[in-house]
Protein backbone atom coordinates (compact mmCIF):
# COMPACT_ATOMS: atom_id res chain seq x y z
CA MET A 1 -6.74 12.25 20.74
CA ASP A 2 -10.00 11.80 18.75
CA PHE A 3 -11.77 8.66 19.72
CA ALA A 4 -13.44 8.47 16.19
CA TYR A 5 -10.00 8.26 14.57
CA THR A 6 -9.06 5.53 16.99
CA VAL A 7 -12.19 3.57 15.96
CA ALA A 8 -11.41 4.13 12.35
CA GLY A 9 -7.76 2.83 12.98
CA PHE A 10 -9.22 -0.28 14.74
CA ALA A 11 -11.65 -0.96 11.88
CA VAL A 12 -8.97 -0.71 9.12
CA GLY A 13 -6.45 -2.58 11.22
CA ALA A 14 -8.85 -5.46 11.61
CA ILE A 15 -9.52 -5.51 7.87
CA VAL A 16 -5.78 -5.49 7.11
CA GLY A 17 -5.23 -8.28 9.52
CA LEU A 18 -8.12 -10.14 8.01
CA THR A 19 -7.38 -9.66 4.28
CA GLY A 20 -3.64 -8.69 4.17
CA VAL A 21 -4.56 -5.70 1.98
CA GLY A 22 -2.56 -2.55 2.79
CA GLY A 23 -4.27 0.07 4.98
CA GLY A 24 -3.69 2.81 2.37
CA SER A 25 -6.42 1.27 0.21
CA LEU A 26 -8.91 1.83 3.00
CA MET A 27 -7.44 4.39 5.48
CA THR A 28 -6.69 7.31 3.12
CA PRO A 29 -10.08 7.36 1.36
CA LEU A 30 -11.81 7.02 4.70
CA LEU A 31 -9.93 10.13 6.03
CA VAL A 32 -10.75 12.10 2.93
CA LEU A 33 -14.36 11.07 2.34
CA LEU A 34 -15.61 10.39 5.93
CA PHE A 35 -13.65 12.88 8.15
CA GLY A 36 -12.98 15.55 5.52
CA ILE A 37 -9.24 15.45 6.04
CA HIS A 38 -7.24 17.33 3.36
CA PRO A 39 -6.11 14.75 0.75
CA SER A 40 -2.45 15.68 1.11
CA VAL A 41 -2.61 15.38 4.97
CA ALA A 42 -4.49 12.10 4.70
CA VAL A 43 -1.86 10.61 2.41
CA GLY A 44 1.14 11.90 4.34
CA THR A 45 -0.27 10.70 7.70
CA ASP A 46 -1.29 7.35 6.32
CA LEU A 47 2.21 6.78 4.85
CA LEU A 48 3.80 7.01 8.31
CA TYR A 49 0.98 4.97 9.65
CA ALA A 50 1.77 2.26 7.22
CA ALA A 51 5.47 2.41 7.90
CA ILE A 52 4.97 1.88 11.58
CA THR A 53 2.34 -0.88 11.38
CA LYS A 54 4.18 -2.84 8.62
CA ALA A 55 7.51 -2.66 10.45
CA GLY A 56 6.07 -5.26 12.85
CA GLY A 57 4.97 -7.46 9.99
CA THR A 58 8.46 -7.24 8.58
CA VAL A 59 10.01 -8.36 11.82
CA ALA A 60 7.73 -11.29 11.98
CA HIS A 61 8.34 -12.44 8.32
CA GLY A 62 12.06 -11.83 8.79
CA LEU A 63 12.16 -14.03 11.79
CA LYS A 64 10.34 -16.78 9.98
CA GLY A 65 12.72 -16.44 6.93
CA THR A 66 9.83 -15.51 4.59
CA VAL A 67 11.45 -12.38 3.18
CA ASP A 68 13.55 -12.46 -0.12
CA TRP A 69 15.85 -9.50 0.67
CA THR A 70 17.17 -9.60 -2.87
CA VAL A 71 13.69 -8.91 -4.28
CA THR A 72 13.03 -6.37 -1.56
CA ARG A 73 16.30 -4.58 -2.50
CA ARG A 74 15.47 -4.48 -6.23
CA LEU A 75 12.01 -2.99 -5.53
CA ALA A 76 13.61 -0.32 -3.15
CA THR A 77 16.20 0.53 -5.74
CA GLY A 78 13.40 1.76 -8.00
CA SER A 79 10.80 2.91 -5.56
CA ILE A 80 12.68 5.16 -3.08
CA PRO A 81 14.30 7.43 -5.78
CA ALA A 82 10.99 7.55 -7.59
CA ALA A 83 9.09 8.53 -4.49
CA ALA A 84 11.64 11.29 -3.70
CA LEU A 85 11.59 12.66 -7.25
CA THR A 86 7.82 12.62 -7.37
CA LEU A 87 7.41 14.54 -4.12
CA THR A 88 10.02 17.06 -5.26
CA LEU A 89 8.34 17.59 -8.56
CA VAL A 90 4.88 18.00 -6.85
CA ALA A 91 6.36 20.46 -4.33
CA VAL A 92 8.11 22.57 -7.13
CA PHE A 93 5.67 22.50 -9.97
CA ALA A 94 2.17 21.86 -8.38
CA PRO A 95 0.37 25.30 -7.82
CA GLY A 96 0.51 25.82 -4.04
CA GLY A 97 2.85 22.85 -3.51
CA MET A 98 1.42 19.80 -1.91
CA GLU A 99 -1.52 21.82 -0.59
CA GLY A 100 -2.46 22.78 -4.11
CA ALA A 101 -2.18 19.14 -5.44
CA ALA A 102 -5.45 17.97 -3.78
CA GLY A 103 -7.10 17.42 -7.18
CA LEU A 104 -4.16 15.36 -8.39
CA ILE A 105 -3.96 13.34 -5.19
CA LYS A 106 -7.67 12.51 -5.29
CA VAL A 107 -7.51 11.26 -8.95
CA ALA A 108 -4.31 9.32 -8.30
CA LEU A 109 -5.81 7.73 -5.22
CA GLY A 110 -9.02 6.83 -7.13
CA VAL A 111 -7.02 5.23 -10.00
CA ALA A 112 -4.88 3.38 -7.58
CA LEU A 113 -7.90 1.90 -5.67
CA LEU A 114 -9.47 0.77 -9.03
CA LEU A 115 -6.08 -0.98 -9.91
CA THR A 116 -5.98 -2.53 -6.44
CA ALA A 117 -9.41 -3.89 -6.85
CA VAL A 118 -8.57 -5.51 -10.19
CA ALA A 119 -5.43 -6.91 -8.56
CA LEU A 120 -7.44 -8.41 -5.83
CA LEU A 121 -9.77 -10.18 -8.16
CA LEU A 122 -7.25 -11.35 -10.63
CA ARG A 123 -4.24 -12.09 -8.54
CA ARG A 124 -4.60 -15.91 -8.81
CA HIS A 125 -5.28 -15.79 -12.51
CA ILE A 126 -2.20 -13.54 -13.02
CA GLN A 127 0.04 -15.90 -11.08
CA ALA A 128 -1.37 -18.92 -12.94
CA TYR A 129 -0.76 -17.29 -16.35
CA ALA A 130 2.82 -16.20 -15.40
CA LEU A 131 3.65 -19.73 -14.12
CA LYS A 132 2.28 -21.31 -17.38
CA ARG A 133 3.88 -18.70 -19.60
CA PHE A 134 7.36 -18.37 -18.03
CA GLY A 135 7.66 -21.43 -15.68
CA GLY A 136 10.17 -19.99 -13.27
CA GLU A 137 12.73 -17.24 -13.91
CA PRO A 138 13.98 -17.85 -17.40
CA ASN A 139 15.75 -14.53 -17.64
CA PRO A 140 17.16 -13.41 -14.36
CA LYS A 141 18.64 -10.14 -15.69
CA ARG A 142 15.36 -9.14 -17.29
CA THR A 143 13.48 -10.02 -14.15
CA ALA A 144 15.81 -7.98 -12.02
CA VAL A 145 15.33 -4.89 -14.32
CA LEU A 146 11.54 -5.33 -14.38
CA THR A 147 11.52 -5.56 -10.59
CA VAL A 148 13.34 -2.27 -10.24
CA VAL A 149 10.90 -0.71 -12.83
CA THR A 150 7.99 -2.13 -10.82
CA GLY A 151 9.40 -0.56 -7.70
CA ALA A 152 9.63 2.87 -9.43
CA VAL A 153 6.00 2.65 -10.50
CA LEU A 154 4.98 1.73 -6.98
CA GLY A 155 7.11 4.59 -5.68
CA VAL A 156 5.30 7.20 -7.78
CA LEU A 157 1.91 5.74 -6.91
CA VAL A 158 2.51 5.31 -3.21
CA SER A 159 4.09 8.88 -2.81
CA ILE A 160 1.11 10.73 -4.10
CA SER A 161 -1.81 8.31 -3.10
CA SER A 162 -0.42 6.07 -0.28
CA VAL A 163 -1.94 3.22 -2.27
CA GLY A 164 -0.16 0.48 -4.22
CA ALA A 165 2.55 -1.07 -1.91
CA GLY A 166 0.05 -3.89 -0.83
CA ALA A 167 -2.16 -5.58 -3.34
CA LEU A 168 -0.54 -4.06 -6.48
CA GLY A 169 2.98 -4.91 -5.17
CA VAL A 170 2.15 -8.60 -4.43
CA THR A 171 0.28 -8.96 -7.68
CA ALA A 172 3.30 -7.66 -9.59
CA LEU A 173 5.65 -10.01 -7.67
CA PHE A 174 3.40 -12.93 -8.40
CA PHE A 175 3.77 -12.17 -12.14
CA LEU A 176 7.55 -11.68 -11.97
CA TYR A 177 8.29 -14.57 -9.69
CA PRO A 178 5.49 -17.21 -10.32
CA ALA A 179 7.62 -20.01 -8.80
CA MET A 180 8.17 -18.13 -5.54
CA PRO A 181 6.06 -19.22 -2.54
CA ALA A 182 3.10 -17.06 -1.86
CA LEU A 183 4.16 -16.38 1.79
CA ARG A 184 7.61 -15.33 0.67
CA ILE A 185 6.15 -12.91 -1.88
CA VAL A 186 3.87 -11.33 0.82
CA GLY A 187 6.73 -11.11 3.18
CA SER A 188 9.06 -9.40 0.65
CA ASP A 189 6.42 -6.96 -0.33
CA ILE A 190 5.68 -6.01 3.32
CA ALA A 191 9.47 -5.56 3.90
CA HIS A 192 9.66 -3.31 0.80
CA ALA A 193 6.66 -1.22 1.99
CA VAL A 194 8.43 -0.16 5.18
CA PRO A 195 11.33 1.95 3.70
CA LEU A 196 9.15 3.20 0.80
CA THR A 197 6.31 4.44 3.03
CA LEU A 198 8.83 5.83 5.54
CA VAL A 199 10.72 7.84 3.06
CA ALA A 200 7.50 9.03 1.30
CA GLY A 201 5.91 9.89 4.68
CA LEU A 202 8.98 11.90 5.82
CA GLY A 203 8.83 13.74 2.52
CA HIS A 204 5.21 14.64 3.18
CA TRP A 205 6.22 15.75 6.69
CA MET A 206 8.89 18.01 5.23
CA LEU A 207 6.22 19.48 2.98
CA GLY A 208 3.84 20.01 6.00
CA SER A 209 1.35 17.35 5.30
CA VAL A 210 1.45 15.10 8.30
CA ASP A 211 -0.95 15.42 11.34
CA TRP A 212 0.89 13.77 14.25
CA LEU A 213 -2.05 13.80 16.58
CA LEU A 214 -4.15 12.03 13.91
CA LEU A 215 -1.27 9.59 13.44
CA GLY A 216 -1.23 8.64 17.07
CA SER A 217 -4.96 8.19 17.23
CA LEU A 218 -4.85 5.82 14.22
CA ILE A 219 -2.03 3.71 15.67
CA VAL A 220 -3.68 3.21 19.03
CA GLY A 221 -6.72 1.73 17.37
CA SER A 222 -4.95 -0.21 14.61
CA LEU A 223 -2.65 -2.34 16.72
CA PRO A 224 -5.47 -4.29 18.54
CA GLY A 225 -7.40 -4.27 15.24
CA ILE A 226 -4.69 -5.97 13.33
CA TRP A 227 -4.26 -8.55 16.16
CA LEU A 228 -7.98 -9.31 16.10
CA GLY A 229 -8.13 -9.56 12.32
CA SER A 230 -5.27 -11.79 12.11
CA HIS A 231 -6.78 -14.18 14.61
CA ILE A 232 -10.11 -14.57 12.86
CA SER A 233 -8.82 -14.46 9.27
CA THR A 234 -8.95 -18.28 9.04
CA LYS A 235 -12.73 -18.30 9.83
CA VAL A 236 -13.76 -16.04 6.85
CA PRO A 237 -13.67 -17.58 3.43
CA ASP A 238 -11.33 -15.69 1.05
CA ARG A 239 -13.75 -16.26 -1.87
CA VAL A 240 -16.32 -14.18 0.00
CA LEU A 241 -14.10 -11.54 1.48
CA ARG A 242 -12.03 -10.64 -1.54
CA PRO A 243 -14.84 -9.72 -3.92
CA LEU A 244 -16.62 -7.70 -1.26
CA LEU A 245 -13.46 -5.71 -0.58
CA ALA A 246 -12.71 -5.20 -4.35
CA THR A 247 -16.36 -3.94 -4.80
CA MET A 248 -15.87 -1.45 -2.02
CA LEU A 249 -12.57 -0.30 -3.43
CA VAL A 250 -14.18 0.31 -6.80
CA LEU A 251 -17.03 2.38 -5.29
CA VAL A 252 -14.68 4.57 -3.30
CA GLY A 253 -12.15 4.90 -6.15
CA ALA A 254 -14.93 6.00 -8.59
CA LYS A 255 -16.26 8.53 -6.01
CA LEU A 256 -12.84 9.97 -5.51
CA ILE A 257 -12.24 10.36 -9.20
CA GLY A 258 -15.69 11.93 -9.75
CA HIS A 259 -15.46 14.11 -6.51
């Protein structure tokens, strides 16, 4: 077990606990750029890392009643088939399979990070606009269909970049369900991330792009990191933390795209 990976897991876990932003936005580029991990292995390992760490969050939100299982089911209806199809297409058509898709994964990861940064900065504006424009849920059938479509888009993004289930998912739900309490939206998004990242992670494992020793090292560090970040989150102003995190994601995303 590499201690450097454990330290990285602790740092990312602390930031996740502090900001609520998914670990994929930070962990995958960290593994690729700092440790030189192959992009496909970084994505596959991080997906299972996310499934394990977010399972605990789902249990906590479920016990508090802050998960809308209908919304979670709608998202999963679109995301899980999309993730499975995306991984199948990459394995069949990408030269060299998942190993040969390194360039595609880097670009997809970079784009996903840029979108995540925008979502972080504009989340409140998007929610305010949707609340003003639509009020509540004026067309339940259309909202249900759009939720499934949103899930499909997240499934494609997450399966090839491991990014999108956090900030992007929450932002999309704020727009689709502007009258829903924020805590319930966050809980529903976390609950949806578990089956999505698990299915995508298992798909990467079947394609040979999961490092189990790396996964164990990351989890050992991340669990105390998440605990620490969660406890100090109330002491750091969101107006300071969110722009700094968004700026970091833009820089990393641009470097991945131009790498």
